[in-house]
């Protein structure tokens, strides 16, 4: 991987992290006393699922992101490594 590719990847990763933080902000009044968390699932450079923490006792952000991906018709099952 070239230095330019590394920089572009870093910027892309930072953009997806910003998106996850935006998801977390959606839950900041909903989640206490739990932390406000956001999750994104990215496949081949595109968003396939996103979610945020639910009320106490509810699903975590990761579960909500998986549910969102499934609702979009995306397959989120792990693929065997070759």
N, C-alpha and C. Protein backbone atom coordinates (compact mmCIF):
# COMPACT_ATOMS: atom_id res chain seq x y z
N UNK A 1 0.85 -1.17 0.00
CA UNK A 1 0.00 0.00 0.00
C UNK A 1 0.90 1.24 0.00
N UNK A 2 0.64 2.15 -0.92
CA UNK A 2 1.45 3.36 -1.01
C UNK A 2 1.08 4.33 0.10
N UNK A 3 1.91 5.33 0.29
CA UNK A 3 1.63 6.36 1.30
C UNK A 3 0.32 7.08 0.97
N UNK A 4 0.10 7.38 -0.31
CA UNK A 4 -1.14 8.05 -0.73
C UNK A 4 -2.35 7.18 -0.41
N UNK A 5 -2.25 5.88 -0.69
CA UNK A 5 -3.35 4.96 -0.37
C UNK A 5 -3.61 4.92 1.14
N UNK A 6 -2.54 4.94 1.93
CA UNK A 6 -2.68 4.94 3.39
C UNK A 6 -3.40 6.20 3.87
N UNK A 7 -3.04 7.34 3.31
CA UNK A 7 -3.67 8.61 3.70
C UNK A 7 -5.15 8.61 3.32
N UNK A 8 -5.45 8.15 2.11
CA UNK A 8 -6.85 8.09 1.67
C UNK A 8 -7.65 7.13 2.54
N UNK A 9 -7.07 6.01 2.90
CA UNK A 9 -7.76 5.04 3.76
C UNK A 9 -8.01 5.64 5.13
N UNK A 10 -7.02 6.34 5.67
CA UNK A 10 -7.18 6.98 6.97
C UNK A 10 -8.32 7.99 6.93
N UNK A 11 -8.35 8.82 5.89
CA UNK A 11 -9.41 9.82 5.78
C UNK A 11 -10.77 9.16 5.66
N UNK A 12 -10.86 8.07 4.92
CA UNK A 12 -12.12 7.36 4.78
C UNK A 12 -12.53 6.75 6.12
N UNK A 13 -11.59 6.12 6.81
CA UNK A 13 -11.88 5.54 8.12
C UNK A 13 -12.35 6.62 9.09
N UNK A 14 -11.71 7.78 9.05
CA UNK A 14 -12.11 8.88 9.92
C UNK A 14 -13.53 9.35 9.58
N UNK A 15 -13.88 9.37 8.31
CA UNK A 15 -15.22 9.77 7.91
C UNK A 15 -16.26 8.78 8.43
N UNK A 16 -15.96 7.48 8.36
CA UNK A 16 -16.90 6.49 8.90
C UNK A 16 -17.00 6.60 10.42
N UNK A 17 -15.89 6.91 11.08
CA UNK A 17 -15.95 7.11 12.54
C UNK A 17 -16.80 8.34 12.87
N UNK A 18 -16.68 9.39 12.08
CA UNK A 18 -17.53 10.57 12.28
C UNK A 18 -19.00 10.21 12.12
N UNK A 19 -19.30 9.35 11.15
CA UNK A 19 -20.67 8.90 10.94
C UNK A 19 -21.16 8.13 12.17
N UNK A 20 -20.30 7.26 12.73
CA UNK A 20 -20.66 6.51 13.94
C UNK A 20 -20.90 7.46 15.12
N UNK A 21 -20.09 8.49 15.22
CA UNK A 21 -20.29 9.47 16.29
C UNK A 21 -21.61 10.23 16.11
N UNK A 22 -21.97 10.51 14.86
CA UNK A 22 -23.28 11.13 14.59
C UNK A 22 -24.40 10.21 15.05
N UNK A 23 -24.25 8.92 14.83
CA UNK A 23 -25.25 7.95 15.30
C UNK A 23 -25.32 7.99 16.83
N UNK A 24 -24.18 8.07 17.49
CA UNK A 24 -24.15 8.11 18.95
C UNK A 24 -24.86 9.34 19.48
N UNK A 25 -24.72 10.45 18.79
CA UNK A 25 -25.37 11.69 19.23
C UNK A 25 -26.89 11.56 19.22
N UNK A 26 -27.41 10.70 18.38
CA UNK A 26 -28.87 10.49 18.32
C UNK A 26 -29.40 9.90 19.62
N UNK A 27 -28.55 9.23 20.37
CA UNK A 27 -28.98 8.52 21.57
C UNK A 27 -28.59 9.21 22.87
N UNK A 28 -28.01 10.40 22.80
CA UNK A 28 -27.43 10.97 24.02
C UNK A 28 -28.46 11.26 25.10
N UNK A 29 -29.70 11.51 24.75
CA UNK A 29 -30.74 11.71 25.78
C UNK A 29 -31.49 10.41 26.08
N UNK A 30 -31.37 9.46 25.21
CA UNK A 30 -32.11 8.21 25.31
C UNK A 30 -31.39 7.17 26.16
N UNK A 31 -30.07 7.15 26.11
CA UNK A 31 -29.31 6.03 26.66
C UNK A 31 -28.92 6.09 28.13
N UNK A 32 -28.86 7.27 28.79
CA UNK A 32 -28.40 7.28 30.18
C UNK A 32 -29.21 6.30 31.05
N UNK A 33 -28.55 5.64 31.98
CA UNK A 33 -27.17 5.83 32.44
C UNK A 33 -26.13 5.12 31.57
N UNK A 34 -26.55 4.43 30.53
CA UNK A 34 -25.59 3.80 29.63
C UNK A 34 -24.94 4.85 28.73
N UNK A 35 -23.77 4.54 28.20
CA UNK A 35 -23.13 5.50 27.28
C UNK A 35 -23.88 5.56 25.96
N UNK A 36 -23.76 6.67 25.30
CA UNK A 36 -24.34 6.86 23.98
C UNK A 36 -23.34 6.33 22.96
N UNK A 37 -23.74 5.31 22.21
CA UNK A 37 -22.83 4.64 21.28
C UNK A 37 -23.47 4.60 19.89
N UNK A 38 -22.64 4.76 18.87
CA UNK A 38 -23.08 4.60 17.49
C UNK A 38 -22.27 3.52 16.81
N UNK A 39 -22.89 2.83 15.88
CA UNK A 39 -22.19 1.77 15.14
C UNK A 39 -22.55 1.87 13.67
N UNK A 40 -21.57 1.60 12.82
CA UNK A 40 -21.81 1.54 11.38
C UNK A 40 -21.19 0.26 10.86
N UNK A 41 -21.83 -0.31 9.85
CA UNK A 41 -21.30 -1.48 9.16
C UNK A 41 -21.02 -1.03 7.73
N UNK A 42 -19.77 -1.17 7.33
CA UNK A 42 -19.34 -0.72 6.01
C UNK A 42 -18.81 -1.93 5.25
N UNK A 43 -19.26 -2.10 4.03
CA UNK A 43 -18.82 -3.21 3.19
C UNK A 43 -18.46 -2.66 1.82
N UNK A 44 -17.26 -2.94 1.38
CA UNK A 44 -16.79 -2.48 0.08
C UNK A 44 -16.95 -0.96 -0.08
N UNK A 45 -16.69 -0.23 1.01
CA UNK A 45 -16.70 1.22 0.96
C UNK A 45 -18.07 1.88 1.02
N UNK A 46 -19.12 1.09 1.30
CA UNK A 46 -20.45 1.70 1.39
C UNK A 46 -21.14 1.28 2.68
N UNK A 47 -21.97 2.15 3.17
CA UNK A 47 -22.71 1.89 4.40
C UNK A 47 -23.79 0.85 4.13
N UNK A 48 -23.82 -0.19 4.96
CA UNK A 48 -24.90 -1.17 4.82
C UNK A 48 -25.77 -1.24 6.07
N UNK A 49 -25.33 -0.61 7.16
CA UNK A 49 -26.14 -0.58 8.38
C UNK A 49 -25.61 0.43 9.36
N UNK A 50 -26.53 1.01 10.14
CA UNK A 50 -26.15 1.99 11.16
C UNK A 50 -27.14 1.89 12.32
N UNK A 51 -26.66 2.20 13.51
CA UNK A 51 -27.55 2.17 14.67
C UNK A 51 -26.94 2.87 15.85
N UNK A 52 -27.78 3.11 16.85
CA UNK A 52 -27.32 3.76 18.07
C UNK A 52 -27.92 3.05 19.28
N UNK A 53 -27.32 3.31 20.45
CA UNK A 53 -27.78 2.74 21.71
C UNK A 53 -29.25 3.06 21.92
N UNK A 54 -29.97 2.08 22.45
CA UNK A 54 -31.38 2.28 22.78
C UNK A 54 -31.53 2.52 24.27
N UNK A 55 -32.75 2.66 24.73
CA UNK A 55 -32.99 2.89 26.15
C UNK A 55 -32.38 1.77 26.98
N UNK A 56 -32.14 2.05 28.25
CA UNK A 56 -31.58 1.06 29.16
C UNK A 56 -32.38 -0.23 29.07
N UNK A 57 -31.66 -1.33 28.89
CA UNK A 57 -32.30 -2.62 28.75
C UNK A 57 -32.59 -2.98 27.30
N UNK A 58 -32.44 -2.01 26.41
CA UNK A 58 -32.69 -2.24 24.99
C UNK A 58 -31.43 -2.68 24.28
N UNK A 59 -31.53 -2.89 22.97
CA UNK A 59 -30.37 -3.34 22.20
C UNK A 59 -29.24 -2.32 22.15
N UNK A 60 -28.04 -2.84 22.05
CA UNK A 60 -26.86 -2.01 21.87
C UNK A 60 -26.80 -1.51 20.43
N UNK A 61 -25.93 -0.55 20.19
CA UNK A 61 -25.79 0.06 18.86
C UNK A 61 -25.44 -0.97 17.80
N UNK A 62 -24.60 -1.92 18.15
CA UNK A 62 -24.18 -2.91 17.17
C UNK A 62 -25.36 -3.77 16.70
N UNK A 63 -26.22 -4.14 17.62
CA UNK A 63 -27.41 -4.93 17.28
C UNK A 63 -28.32 -4.11 16.37
N UNK A 64 -28.48 -2.83 16.69
CA UNK A 64 -29.32 -1.97 15.87
C UNK A 64 -28.74 -1.83 14.46
N UNK A 65 -27.42 -1.75 14.35
CA UNK A 65 -26.78 -1.66 13.04
C UNK A 65 -26.98 -2.95 12.25
N UNK A 66 -26.88 -4.10 12.92
CA UNK A 66 -27.13 -5.37 12.24
C UNK A 66 -28.58 -5.46 11.77
N UNK A 67 -29.50 -5.02 12.60
CA UNK A 67 -30.92 -5.03 12.23
C UNK A 67 -31.17 -4.09 11.04
N UNK A 68 -30.51 -2.94 11.04
CA UNK A 68 -30.66 -1.99 9.94
C UNK A 68 -30.15 -2.61 8.64
N UNK A 69 -29.01 -3.28 8.72
CA UNK A 69 -28.46 -3.93 7.53
C UNK A 69 -29.41 -5.00 7.01
N UNK A 70 -29.98 -5.79 7.91
CA UNK A 70 -30.92 -6.83 7.50
C UNK A 70 -32.16 -6.21 6.86
N UNK A 71 -32.64 -5.10 7.43
CA UNK A 71 -33.81 -4.42 6.87
C UNK A 71 -33.53 -3.87 5.47
N UNK A 72 -32.26 -3.58 5.20
CA UNK A 72 -31.86 -3.10 3.87
C UNK A 72 -31.61 -4.27 2.90
N UNK A 73 -31.77 -5.50 3.41
CA UNK A 73 -31.55 -6.66 2.56
C UNK A 73 -30.10 -7.07 2.44
N UNK A 74 -29.27 -6.58 3.33
CA UNK A 74 -27.84 -6.89 3.28
C UNK A 74 -27.51 -8.16 4.06
N UNK A 75 -26.59 -8.95 3.54
CA UNK A 75 -26.11 -10.14 4.22
C UNK A 75 -24.94 -9.74 5.11
N UNK A 76 -25.08 -9.95 6.40
CA UNK A 76 -24.02 -9.57 7.34
C UNK A 76 -23.37 -10.78 7.99
N UNK A 77 -23.63 -11.95 7.45
CA UNK A 77 -22.99 -13.15 7.97
C UNK A 77 -21.50 -13.14 7.64
N UNK A 78 -20.72 -13.63 8.56
CA UNK A 78 -19.28 -13.70 8.33
C UNK A 78 -18.99 -14.66 7.19
N UNK A 79 -18.07 -14.27 6.35
CA UNK A 79 -17.65 -15.10 5.23
C UNK A 79 -16.41 -15.88 5.64
N UNK A 80 -16.36 -17.17 5.31
CA UNK A 80 -15.15 -17.94 5.67
C UNK A 80 -13.92 -17.38 4.98
N UNK A 81 -12.82 -17.36 5.70
CA UNK A 81 -11.59 -16.85 5.09
C UNK A 81 -10.99 -17.93 4.21
N UNK A 82 -10.34 -17.47 3.17
CA UNK A 82 -9.76 -18.42 2.21
C UNK A 82 -8.26 -18.52 2.37
